[in-house]
């Protein structure tokens, strides 16, 4: 129940039955390191999901985002990423 992935560095799966989406970075050979293309694809995927259904609740990271912790580095609670704040965060990378 997901649609075909159109990205190279990330995988976006929309699960219609559960009304949610799963976004994964798929660069295991690079330890899922972020680069400009990866950030652009993440932003585009988040925008795609938010256009399908205007988001009133944030996305939550399932695990910590890095060695020193996404929340600690970026100063956000619970590793929250929304389509709106991702663009601001990605400008700092």
C-alpha atoms as a PDB file:
ATOM      1  CA  UNK A   1       0.000   0.000   0.000  1.00  0.00           C
ATOM      2  CA  UNK A   2       2.690   2.457  -0.812  1.00  0.00           C
ATOM      3  CA  UNK A   3       3.339   4.234  -4.034  1.00  0.00           C
ATOM      4  CA  UNK A   4       6.452   3.839  -6.144  1.00  0.00           C
ATOM      5  CA  UNK A   5       9.471   5.750  -4.824  1.00  0.00           C
ATOM      6  CA  UNK A   6      10.655   8.608  -7.060  1.00  0.00           C
ATOM      7  CA  UNK A   7      13.699   9.578  -4.996  1.00  0.00           C
ATOM      8  CA  UNK A   8      17.287   8.381  -5.079  1.00  0.00           C
ATOM      9  CA  UNK A   9      18.402   9.068  -1.486  1.00  0.00           C
ATOM     10  CA  UNK A  10      15.150   8.684   0.431  1.00  0.00           C
ATOM     11  CA  UNK A  11      12.180   6.364   0.362  1.00  0.00           C
ATOM     12  CA  UNK A  12       8.670   7.690   0.959  1.00  0.00           C
ATOM     13  CA  UNK A  13       5.928   5.198   1.693  1.00  0.00           C
ATOM     14  CA  UNK A  14       2.371   6.375   2.149  1.00  0.00           C
ATOM     15  CA  UNK A  15       0.358   3.860   4.119  1.00  0.00           C
ATOM     16  CA  UNK A  16      -3.245   4.571   3.214  1.00  0.00           C
ATOM     17  CA  UNK A  17      -4.870   2.188   5.691  1.00  0.00           C
ATOM     18  CA  UNK A  18      -3.060   3.750   8.636  1.00  0.00           C
ATOM     19  CA  UNK A  19      -3.199   7.290   7.223  1.00  0.00           C
ATOM     20  CA  UNK A  20       0.499   7.920   7.758  1.00  0.00           C
ATOM     21  CA  UNK A  21       3.764   8.057   5.830  1.00  0.00           C
ATOM     22  CA  UNK A  22       7.192   6.571   6.455  1.00  0.00           C
ATOM     23  CA  UNK A  23      10.246   8.482   5.236  1.00  0.00           C
ATOM     24  CA  UNK A  24      13.579   6.632   5.270  1.00  0.00           C
ATOM     25  CA  UNK A  25      17.054   7.687   4.206  1.00  0.00           C
ATOM     26  CA  UNK A  26      18.388   4.911   1.967  1.00  0.00           C
ATOM     27  CA  UNK A  27      22.132   5.508   1.778  1.00  0.00           C
ATOM     28  CA  UNK A  28      23.549   2.686   3.932  1.00  0.00           C
ATOM     29  CA  UNK A  29      26.818   2.670   1.966  1.00  0.00           C
ATOM     30  CA  UNK A  30      27.302   6.296   3.109  1.00  0.00           C
ATOM     31  CA  UNK A  31      25.997   5.622   6.649  1.00  0.00           C
ATOM     32  CA  UNK A  32      22.916   7.681   5.699  1.00  0.00           C
ATOM     33  CA  UNK A  33      25.020  10.839   5.637  1.00  0.00           C
ATOM     34  CA  UNK A  34      23.145  13.950   4.586  1.00  0.00           C
ATOM     35  CA  UNK A  35      24.230  15.917   1.546  1.00  0.00           C
ATOM     36  CA  UNK A  36      22.443  18.582  -0.480  1.00  0.00           C
ATOM     37  CA  UNK A  37      20.553  16.114  -2.675  1.00  0.00           C
ATOM     38  CA  UNK A  38      19.430  14.138   0.382  1.00  0.00           C
ATOM     39  CA  UNK A  39      18.181  17.304   2.083  1.00  0.00           C
ATOM     40  CA  UNK A  40      16.340  18.410  -1.061  1.00  0.00           C
ATOM     41  CA  UNK A  41      14.666  15.013  -1.349  1.00  0.00           C
ATOM     42  CA  UNK A  42      13.655  15.019   2.333  1.00  0.00           C
ATOM     43  CA  UNK A  43      12.158  18.499   1.941  1.00  0.00           C
ATOM     44  CA  UNK A  44      10.310  17.460  -1.227  1.00  0.00           C
ATOM     45  CA  UNK A  45       8.993  14.285   0.404  1.00  0.00           C
ATOM     46  CA  UNK A  46       7.755  16.217   3.459  1.00  0.00           C
ATOM     47  CA  UNK A  47       6.117  18.769   1.178  1.00  0.00           C
ATOM     48  CA  UNK A  48       4.431  15.959  -0.779  1.00  0.00           C
ATOM     49  CA  UNK A  49       2.985  14.482   2.403  1.00  0.00           C
ATOM     50  CA  UNK A  50       1.850  17.860   3.729  1.00  0.00           C
ATOM     51  CA  UNK A  51       0.083  18.658   0.452  1.00  0.00           C
ATOM     52  CA  UNK A  52      -1.851  15.406   0.610  1.00  0.00           C
ATOM     53  CA  UNK A  53      -3.215  16.275   3.990  1.00  0.00           C
ATOM     54  CA  UNK A  54      -2.558  19.526   5.753  1.00  0.00           C
ATOM     55  CA  UNK A  55      -0.597  18.503   8.796  1.00  0.00           C
ATOM     56  CA  UNK A  56      -1.863  19.537  12.176  1.00  0.00           C
ATOM     57  CA  UNK A  57       0.457  17.199  14.087  1.00  0.00           C
ATOM     58  CA  UNK A  58       4.245  16.969  13.713  1.00  0.00           C
ATOM     59  CA  UNK A  59       6.349  14.103  12.453  1.00  0.00           C
ATOM     60  CA  UNK A  60       8.348  12.301  15.135  1.00  0.00           C
ATOM     61  CA  UNK A  61      11.716  10.666  14.673  1.00  0.00           C
ATOM     62  CA  UNK A  62      11.643   7.042  15.718  1.00  0.00           C
ATOM     63  CA  UNK A  63      15.225   7.097  16.970  1.00  0.00           C
ATOM     64  CA  UNK A  64      17.805   9.652  17.957  1.00  0.00           C
ATOM     65  CA  UNK A  65      19.111  11.497  14.925  1.00  0.00           C
ATOM     66  CA  UNK A  66      22.833  11.326  15.629  1.00  0.00           C
ATOM     67  CA  UNK A  67      25.655  10.622  18.049  1.00  0.00           C
ATOM     68  CA  UNK A  68      25.027  13.737  20.094  1.00  0.00           C
ATOM     69  CA  UNK A  69      21.291  13.617  19.454  1.00  0.00           C
ATOM     70  CA  UNK A  70      19.127  15.537  17.024  1.00  0.00           C
ATOM     71  CA  UNK A  71      17.143  17.123  19.843  1.00  0.00           C
ATOM     72  CA  UNK A  72      20.206  18.330  21.652  1.00  0.00           C
ATOM     73  CA  UNK A  73      21.845  19.805  18.523  1.00  0.00           C
ATOM     74  CA  UNK A  74      18.824  21.506  17.075  1.00  0.00           C
ATOM     75  CA  UNK A  75      17.109  22.470  20.306  1.00  0.00           C
ATOM     76  CA  UNK A  76      13.787  20.848  19.450  1.00  0.00           C
ATOM     77  CA  UNK A  77      11.729  18.716  21.793  1.00  0.00           C
ATOM     78  CA  UNK A  78      11.357  14.979  21.126  1.00  0.00           C
ATOM     79  CA  UNK A  79      13.114  15.157  17.747  1.00  0.00           C
ATOM     80  CA  UNK A  80      10.085  16.797  16.118  1.00  0.00           C
ATOM     81  CA  UNK A  81      10.370  17.498  12.392  1.00  0.00           C
ATOM     82  CA  UNK A  82       7.629  19.214  10.448  1.00  0.00           C
ATOM     83  CA  UNK A  83       7.650  20.156   6.787  1.00  0.00           C
ATOM     84  CA  UNK A  84       7.774  23.800   7.876  1.00  0.00           C
ATOM     85  CA  UNK A  85      10.754  23.641  10.213  1.00  0.00           C
ATOM     86  CA  UNK A  86      12.777  21.176   8.112  1.00  0.00           C
ATOM     87  CA  UNK A  87      13.630  23.821   5.514  1.00  0.00           C
ATOM     88  CA  UNK A  88      14.999  26.084   8.260  1.00  0.00           C
ATOM     89  CA  UNK A  89      17.039  23.263   9.799  1.00  0.00           C
ATOM     90  CA  UNK A  90      18.478  22.091   6.472  1.00  0.00           C
ATOM     91  CA  UNK A  91      19.904  25.559   5.754  1.00  0.00           C
ATOM     92  CA  UNK A  92      22.271  25.058   8.697  1.00  0.00           C
ATOM     93  CA  UNK A  93      23.755  21.833   7.311  1.00  0.00           C
END
